[in-house]
């Protein structure tokens, strides 16, 4: 008897369910049964496609990390753009990407806390934060200030509104549409604030 073939649409349905459940609950609190229920399939079928929660998590995590840090690597290593141009591109790319994937920041923050070494190795944090052309430019511009101060400020200002979005909405601070406009406005404001920091 020929082995049963795996259906691509079912596999993608499981992966999408895993993205949702892992984002909501984190790795430790997620059960394979939760993912199966989210996907609308039975547990045996999920286990046929993915033998363990760990393997499924690795796959989802790899996609999310690639999406998050794949945005920044080409920008920070470009030796043709100025500091201000790099920051504008980083902010634009991050806000666009996070607008399309609002659950991503909390998922990544959870993994940074729970698996820092694994996460750091996967995204090659050392190269991005110490050897990039962006870091070289920051050191030349402000040799007396560690470049991570500027990097952390820009990324925090870009990402935090998406982390805080559920709080803003539930507290009645802003509607979802207002928050979308708020994020759009920050594309310009963050670049202005960076220029003020770097030129002070």
C-alpha atoms as a PDB file:
ATOM      1  CA  UNK A   1       0.000   0.000   0.000  1.00  0.00           C
ATOM      2  CA  UNK A   2       1.372   3.408  -0.948  1.00  0.00           C
ATOM      3  CA  UNK A   3       1.982   5.813   1.959  1.00  0.00           C
ATOM      4  CA  UNK A   4      -0.708   8.403   2.551  1.00  0.00           C
ATOM      5  CA  UNK A   5       0.244  11.724   0.970  1.00  0.00           C
ATOM      6  CA  UNK A   6       0.143  14.931   2.966  1.00  0.00           C
ATOM      7  CA  UNK A   7      -2.173  17.698   1.835  1.00  0.00           C
ATOM      8  CA  UNK A   8      -0.549  21.137   1.510  1.00  0.00           C
ATOM      9  CA  UNK A   9      -3.717  23.008   2.449  1.00  0.00           C
ATOM     10  CA  UNK A  10      -4.133  20.976   5.658  1.00  0.00           C
ATOM     11  CA  UNK A  11      -0.492  21.532   6.540  1.00  0.00           C
ATOM     12  CA  UNK A  12      -0.863  25.291   6.046  1.00  0.00           C
ATOM     13  CA  UNK A  13      -4.080  25.286   8.094  1.00  0.00           C
ATOM     14  CA  UNK A  14      -2.199  23.632  10.974  1.00  0.00           C
ATOM     15  CA  UNK A  15       0.665  26.117  10.691  1.00  0.00           C
ATOM     16  CA  UNK A  16      -1.727  29.075  10.727  1.00  0.00           C
ATOM     17  CA  UNK A  17      -3.532  27.645  13.769  1.00  0.00           C
ATOM     18  CA  UNK A  18      -0.173  27.181  15.487  1.00  0.00           C
ATOM     19  CA  UNK A  19       0.788  30.798  14.755  1.00  0.00           C
ATOM     20  CA  UNK A  20      -2.440  31.957  16.395  1.00  0.00           C
ATOM     21  CA  UNK A  21      -2.250  29.714  19.469  1.00  0.00           C
ATOM     22  CA  UNK A  22       1.480  30.160  20.109  1.00  0.00           C
ATOM     23  CA  UNK A  23       1.047  33.921  19.835  1.00  0.00           C
ATOM     24  CA  UNK A  24      -1.871  33.936  22.257  1.00  0.00           C
ATOM     25  CA  UNK A  25      -0.580  31.433  24.826  1.00  0.00           C
ATOM     26  CA  UNK A  26       3.177  31.152  24.342  1.00  0.00           C
ATOM     27  CA  UNK A  27       5.038  27.885  23.894  1.00  0.00           C
ATOM     28  CA  UNK A  28       4.764  26.438  27.415  1.00  0.00           C
ATOM     29  CA  UNK A  29       1.015  26.921  27.811  1.00  0.00           C
ATOM     30  CA  UNK A  30       0.143  25.618  24.349  1.00  0.00           C
ATOM     31  CA  UNK A  31      -1.034  22.023  23.927  1.00  0.00           C
ATOM     32  CA  UNK A  32      -1.145  20.226  20.585  1.00  0.00           C
ATOM     33  CA  UNK A  33      -4.846  19.707  21.281  1.00  0.00           C
ATOM     34  CA  UNK A  34      -5.292  23.504  21.344  1.00  0.00           C
ATOM     35  CA  UNK A  35      -3.719  23.771  17.891  1.00  0.00           C
ATOM     36  CA  UNK A  36      -5.835  20.926  16.537  1.00  0.00           C
ATOM     37  CA  UNK A  37      -9.011  22.598  17.819  1.00  0.00           C
ATOM     38  CA  UNK A  38      -8.007  25.944  16.310  1.00  0.00           C
ATOM     39  CA  UNK A  39      -7.341  24.216  12.964  1.00  0.00           C
ATOM     40  CA  UNK A  40     -10.642  22.308  13.123  1.00  0.00           C
ATOM     41  CA  UNK A  41      -8.989  18.892  12.837  1.00  0.00           C
ATOM     42  CA  UNK A  42      -8.464  15.937  15.162  1.00  0.00           C
ATOM     43  CA  UNK A  43      -5.298  15.447  17.168  1.00  0.00           C
ATOM     44  CA  UNK A  44      -4.269  12.317  15.264  1.00  0.00           C
ATOM     45  CA  UNK A  45      -4.212  14.242  11.996  1.00  0.00           C
ATOM     46  CA  UNK A  46      -2.101  17.011  13.516  1.00  0.00           C
ATOM     47  CA  UNK A  47       0.371  14.418  14.822  1.00  0.00           C
ATOM     48  CA  UNK A  48       0.525  12.858  11.350  1.00  0.00           C
ATOM     49  CA  UNK A  49       1.656  16.162   9.832  1.00  0.00           C
ATOM     50  CA  UNK A  50       3.839  17.358  12.723  1.00  0.00           C
ATOM     51  CA  UNK A  51       5.194  14.752  15.115  1.00  0.00           C
ATOM     52  CA  UNK A  52       5.650  17.090  18.067  1.00  0.00           C
ATOM     53  CA  UNK A  53       4.798  20.509  19.398  1.00  0.00           C
ATOM     54  CA  UNK A  54       8.518  21.310  19.352  1.00  0.00           C
ATOM     55  CA  UNK A  55       8.860  20.728  15.601  1.00  0.00           C
ATOM     56  CA  UNK A  56       5.791  22.809  14.855  1.00  0.00           C
ATOM     57  CA  UNK A  57       6.991  25.560  17.128  1.00  0.00           C
ATOM     58  CA  UNK A  58      10.427  25.574  15.461  1.00  0.00           C
ATOM     59  CA  UNK A  59       8.784  26.022  12.079  1.00  0.00           C
ATOM     60  CA  UNK A  60       6.471  28.830  13.179  1.00  0.00           C
ATOM     61  CA  UNK A  61       9.264  30.528  15.115  1.00  0.00           C
ATOM     62  CA  UNK A  62      11.631  30.408  12.155  1.00  0.00           C
ATOM     63  CA  UNK A  63       9.026  32.069   9.938  1.00  0.00           C
ATOM     64  CA  UNK A  64       8.289  34.786  12.468  1.00  0.00           C
ATOM     65  CA  UNK A  65      11.925  35.568  13.190  1.00  0.00           C
ATOM     66  CA  UNK A  66      12.739  35.628   9.496  1.00  0.00           C
ATOM     67  CA  UNK A  67       9.858  38.027   8.937  1.00  0.00           C
ATOM     68  CA  UNK A  68      10.866  40.333  11.782  1.00  0.00           C
ATOM     69  CA  UNK A  69      14.620  40.478  11.293  1.00  0.00           C
ATOM     70  CA  UNK A  70      14.622  39.908   7.564  1.00  0.00           C
ATOM     71  CA  UNK A  71      13.288  43.447   7.327  1.00  0.00           C
ATOM     72  CA  UNK A  72      16.184  45.059   9.112  1.00  0.00           C
ATOM     73  CA  UNK A  73      19.321  43.203   7.955  1.00  0.00           C
ATOM     74  CA  UNK A  74      19.542  44.568   4.380  1.00  0.00           C
ATOM     75  CA  UNK A  75      18.865  48.107   5.603  1.00  0.00           C
ATOM     76  CA  UNK A  76      21.458  48.248   8.381  1.00  0.00           C
ATOM     77  CA  UNK A  77      24.155  46.734   6.159  1.00  0.00           C
ATOM     78  CA  UNK A  78      23.675  49.132   3.244  1.00  0.00           C
ATOM     79  CA  UNK A  79      26.814  51.259   2.867  1.00  0.00           C
ATOM     80  CA  UNK A  80      25.162  53.623   0.371  1.00  0.00           C
ATOM     81  CA  UNK A  81      22.552  55.227   2.651  1.00  0.00           C
ATOM     82  CA  UNK A  82      22.929  57.854   5.376  1.00  0.00           C
ATOM     83  CA  UNK A  83      22.011  57.341   9.019  1.00  0.00           C
ATOM     84  CA  UNK A  84      18.783  59.282   8.612  1.00  0.00           C
ATOM     85  CA  UNK A  85      17.852  57.316   5.488  1.00  0.00           C
ATOM     86  CA  UNK A  86      18.482  54.026   7.269  1.00  0.00           C
ATOM     87  CA  UNK A  87      16.302  55.009  10.211  1.00  0.00           C
ATOM     88  CA  UNK A  88      13.497  56.151   7.905  1.00  0.00           C
ATOM     89  CA  UNK A  89      13.649  52.831   6.045  1.00  0.00           C
ATOM     90  CA  UNK A  90      13.775  50.792   9.268  1.00  0.00           C
ATOM     91  CA  UNK A  91      10.798  52.610  10.773  1.00  0.00           C
ATOM     92  CA  UNK A  92       8.785  52.370   7.549  1.00  0.00           C
ATOM     93  CA  UNK A  93       9.504  48.659   7.167  1.00  0.00           C
ATOM     94  CA  UNK A  94       8.835  47.768  10.816  1.00  0.00           C
ATOM     95  CA  UNK A  95       5.579  49.668  11.089  1.00  0.00           C
ATOM     96  CA  UNK A  96       4.282  48.246   7.800  1.00  0.00           C
ATOM     97  CA  UNK A  97       5.243  44.707   8.802  1.00  0.00           C
ATOM     98  CA  UNK A  98       3.834  44.994  12.325  1.00  0.00           C
ATOM     99  CA  UNK A  99       0.603  46.504  11.025  1.00  0.00           C
ATOM    100  CA  UNK A 100       0.132  43.315   9.024  1.00  0.00           C
ATOM    101  CA  UNK A 101       1.252  41.050  11.892  1.00  0.00           C
ATOM    102  CA  UNK A 102       0.063  42.734  15.129  1.00  0.00           C
ATOM    103  CA  UNK A 103       0.606  39.644  17.297  1.00  0.00           C
ATOM    104  CA  UNK A 104       4.238  39.259  16.305  1.00  0.00           C
ATOM    105  CA  UNK A 105       5.919  41.615  18.842  1.00  0.00           C
ATOM    106  CA  UNK A 106       4.430  39.887  21.903  1.00  0.00           C
ATOM    107  CA  UNK A 107       5.327  36.481  20.507  1.00  0.00           C
ATOM    108  CA  UNK A 108       8.945  37.503  19.929  1.00  0.00           C
ATOM    109  CA  UNK A 109       9.256  39.248  23.313  1.00  0.00           C
ATOM    110  CA  UNK A 110       8.011  36.093  25.000  1.00  0.00           C
ATOM    111  CA  UNK A 111      10.658  34.011  23.274  1.00  0.00           C
ATOM    112  CA  UNK A 112      13.424  36.515  24.020  1.00  0.00           C
ATOM    113  CA  UNK A 113      12.541  36.127  27.699  1.00  0.00           C
ATOM    114  CA  UNK A 114      12.150  32.329  27.661  1.00  0.00           C
ATOM    115  CA  UNK A 115      14.828  31.290  25.151  1.00  0.00           C
ATOM    116  CA  UNK A 116      17.301  34.175  24.812  1.00  0.00           C
ATOM    117  CA  UNK A 117      20.301  32.152  23.613  1.00  0.00           C
ATOM    118  CA  UNK A 118      18.299  30.218  21.032  1.00  0.00           C
ATOM    119  CA  UNK A 119      16.607  33.364  19.807  1.00  0.00           C
ATOM    120  CA  UNK A 120      19.846  35.341  19.630  1.00  0.00           C
ATOM    121  CA  UNK A 121      21.567  32.624  17.615  1.00  0.00           C
ATOM    122  CA  UNK A 122      18.681  32.320  15.179  1.00  0.00           C
ATOM    123  CA  UNK A 123      18.496  36.020  14.368  1.00  0.00           C
ATOM    124  CA  UNK A 124      22.302  36.501  14.465  1.00  0.00           C
ATOM    125  CA  UNK A 125      21.883  39.390  16.884  1.00  0.00           C
ATOM    126  CA  UNK A 126      25.613  39.829  17.357  1.00  0.00           C
ATOM    127  CA  UNK A 127      26.218  40.681  13.719  1.00  0.00           C
ATOM    128  CA  UNK A 128      23.254  43.044  13.488  1.00  0.00           C
ATOM    129  CA  UNK A 129      24.065  44.897  16.699  1.00  0.00           C
ATOM    130  CA  UNK A 130      27.851  45.073  16.538  1.00  0.00           C
ATOM    131  CA  UNK A 131      29.105  44.607  12.966  1.00  0.00           C
ATOM    132  CA  UNK A 132      26.532  46.343  10.776  1.00  0.00           C
ATOM    133  CA  UNK A 133      27.237  49.451   8.735  1.00  0.00           C
ATOM    134  CA  UNK A 134      24.583  51.260  10.772  1.00  0.00           C
ATOM    135  CA  UNK A 135      26.607  50.688  13.945  1.00  0.00           C
ATOM    136  CA  UNK A 136      29.755  51.960  12.213  1.00  0.00           C
ATOM    137  CA  UNK A 137      27.936  55.156  11.200  1.00  0.00           C
ATOM    138  CA  UNK A 138      26.562  55.669  14.708  1.00  0.00           C
ATOM    139  CA  UNK A 139      30.027  55.272  16.236  1.00  0.00           C
ATOM    140  CA  UNK A 140      31.462  57.814  13.810  1.00  0.00           C
ATOM    141  CA  UNK A 141      28.660  60.292  14.469  1.00  0.00           C
ATOM    142  CA  UNK A 142      28.520  59.870  18.264  1.00  0.00           C
ATOM    143  CA  UNK A 143      31.715  58.121  19.445  1.00  0.00           C
ATOM    144  CA  UNK A 144      31.016  58.948  23.102  1.00  0.00           C
ATOM    145  CA  UNK A 145      27.600  57.209  23.182  1.00  0.00           C
ATOM    146  CA  UNK A 146      27.086  53.471  22.788  1.00  0.00           C
ATOM    147  CA  UNK A 147      25.244  52.872  19.460  1.00  0.00           C
ATOM    148  CA  UNK A 148      22.771  50.508  21.142  1.00  0.00           C
ATOM    149  CA  UNK A 149      21.154  53.520  22.827  1.00  0.00           C
ATOM    150  CA  UNK A 150      20.061  54.821  19.438  1.00  0.00           C
ATOM    151  CA  UNK A 151      19.090  51.391  18.089  1.00  0.00           C
ATOM    152  CA  UNK A 152      17.013  50.526  21.154  1.00  0.00           C
ATOM    153  CA  UNK A 153      15.276  53.909  21.049  1.00  0.00           C
ATOM    154  CA  UNK A 154      14.289  53.612  17.392  1.00  0.00           C
ATOM    155  CA  UNK A 155      13.084  50.008  17.677  1.00  0.00           C
ATOM    156  CA  UNK A 156      11.205  50.683  20.916  1.00  0.00           C
ATOM    157  CA  UNK A 157       9.443  53.697  19.452  1.00  0.00           C
ATOM    158  CA  UNK A 158       8.464  51.624  16.419  1.00  0.00           C
ATOM    159  CA  UNK A 159       7.334  48.471  18.193  1.00  0.00           C
ATOM    160  CA  UNK A 160       5.791  49.547  21.499  1.00  0.00           C
ATOM    161  CA  UNK A 161       2.550  51.013  20.053  1.00  0.00           C
ATOM    162  CA  UNK A 162       1.752  47.558  18.662  1.00  0.00           C
ATOM    163  CA  UNK A 163       2.461  45.909  22.009  1.00  0.00           C
ATOM    164  CA  UNK A 164       0.240  48.436  23.781  1.00  0.00           C
ATOM    165  CA  UNK A 165      -2.527  48.415  21.160  1.00  0.00           C
ATOM    166  CA  UNK A 166      -4.838  45.984  23.043  1.00  0.00           C
ATOM    167  CA  UNK A 167      -4.539  48.125  26.187  1.00  0.00           C
ATOM    168  CA  UNK A 168      -5.267  51.334  24.294  1.00  0.00           C
ATOM    169  CA  UNK A 169      -8.332  49.768  22.688  1.00  0.00           C
ATOM    170  CA  UNK A 170      -9.753  48.151  25.833  1.00  0.00           C
ATOM    171  CA  UNK A 171      -9.215  51.352  27.847  1.00  0.00           C
ATOM    172  CA  UNK A 172     -11.004  53.398  25.226  1.00  0.00           C
ATOM    173  CA  UNK A 173      -7.932  55.552  24.569  1.00  0.00           C
ATOM    174  CA  UNK A 174      -8.143  55.049  20.806  1.00  0.00           C
ATOM    175  CA  UNK A 175     -10.174  53.031  18.339  1.00  0.00           C
ATOM    176  CA  UNK A 176      -8.471  50.512  16.074  1.00  0.00           C
ATOM    177  CA  UNK A 177      -8.681  52.962  13.166  1.00  0.00           C
ATOM    178  CA  UNK A 178      -7.215  55.783  15.266  1.00  0.00           C
ATOM    179  CA  UNK A 179      -4.364  53.514  16.329  1.00  0.00           C
ATOM    180  CA  UNK A 180      -3.641  52.689  12.694  1.00  0.00           C
ATOM    181  CA  UNK A 181      -3.402  56.407  11.953  1.00  0.00           C
ATOM    182  CA  UNK A 182      -1.284  56.865  15.079  1.00  0.00           C
ATOM    183  CA  UNK A 183       1.199  54.262  13.826  1.00  0.00           C
ATOM    184  CA  UNK A 184       1.282  55.927  10.415  1.00  0.00           C
ATOM    185  CA  UNK A 185       2.100  59.308  11.963  1.00  0.00           C
ATOM    186  CA  UNK A 186       5.019  57.757  13.847  1.00  0.00           C
ATOM    187  CA  UNK A 187       6.785  56.941  10.583  1.00  0.00           C
ATOM    188  CA  UNK A 188       7.573  60.645  10.294  1.00  0.00           C
ATOM    189  CA  UNK A 189       7.829  61.512  13.986  1.00  0.00           C
ATOM    190  CA  UNK A 190      10.342  58.818  14.922  1.00  0.00           C
ATOM    191  CA  UNK A 191      12.716  59.981  12.183  1.00  0.00           C
ATOM    192  CA  UNK A 192      12.415  63.560  13.458  1.00  0.00           C
ATOM    193  CA  UNK A 193      13.117  62.440  17.030  1.00  0.00           C
ATOM    194  CA  UNK A 194      16.123  60.413  15.881  1.00  0.00           C
ATOM    195  CA  UNK A 195      17.572  63.435  14.060  1.00  0.00           C
ATOM    196  CA  UNK A 196      17.153  65.482  17.218  1.00  0.00           C
ATOM    197  CA  UNK A 197      18.971  62.825  19.267  1.00  0.00           C
ATOM    198  CA  UNK A 198      21.827  62.271  16.855  1.00  0.00           C
ATOM    199  CA  UNK A 199      22.439  65.978  16.213  1.00  0.00           C
ATOM    200  CA  UNK A 200      22.173  67.195  19.811  1.00  0.00           C
END
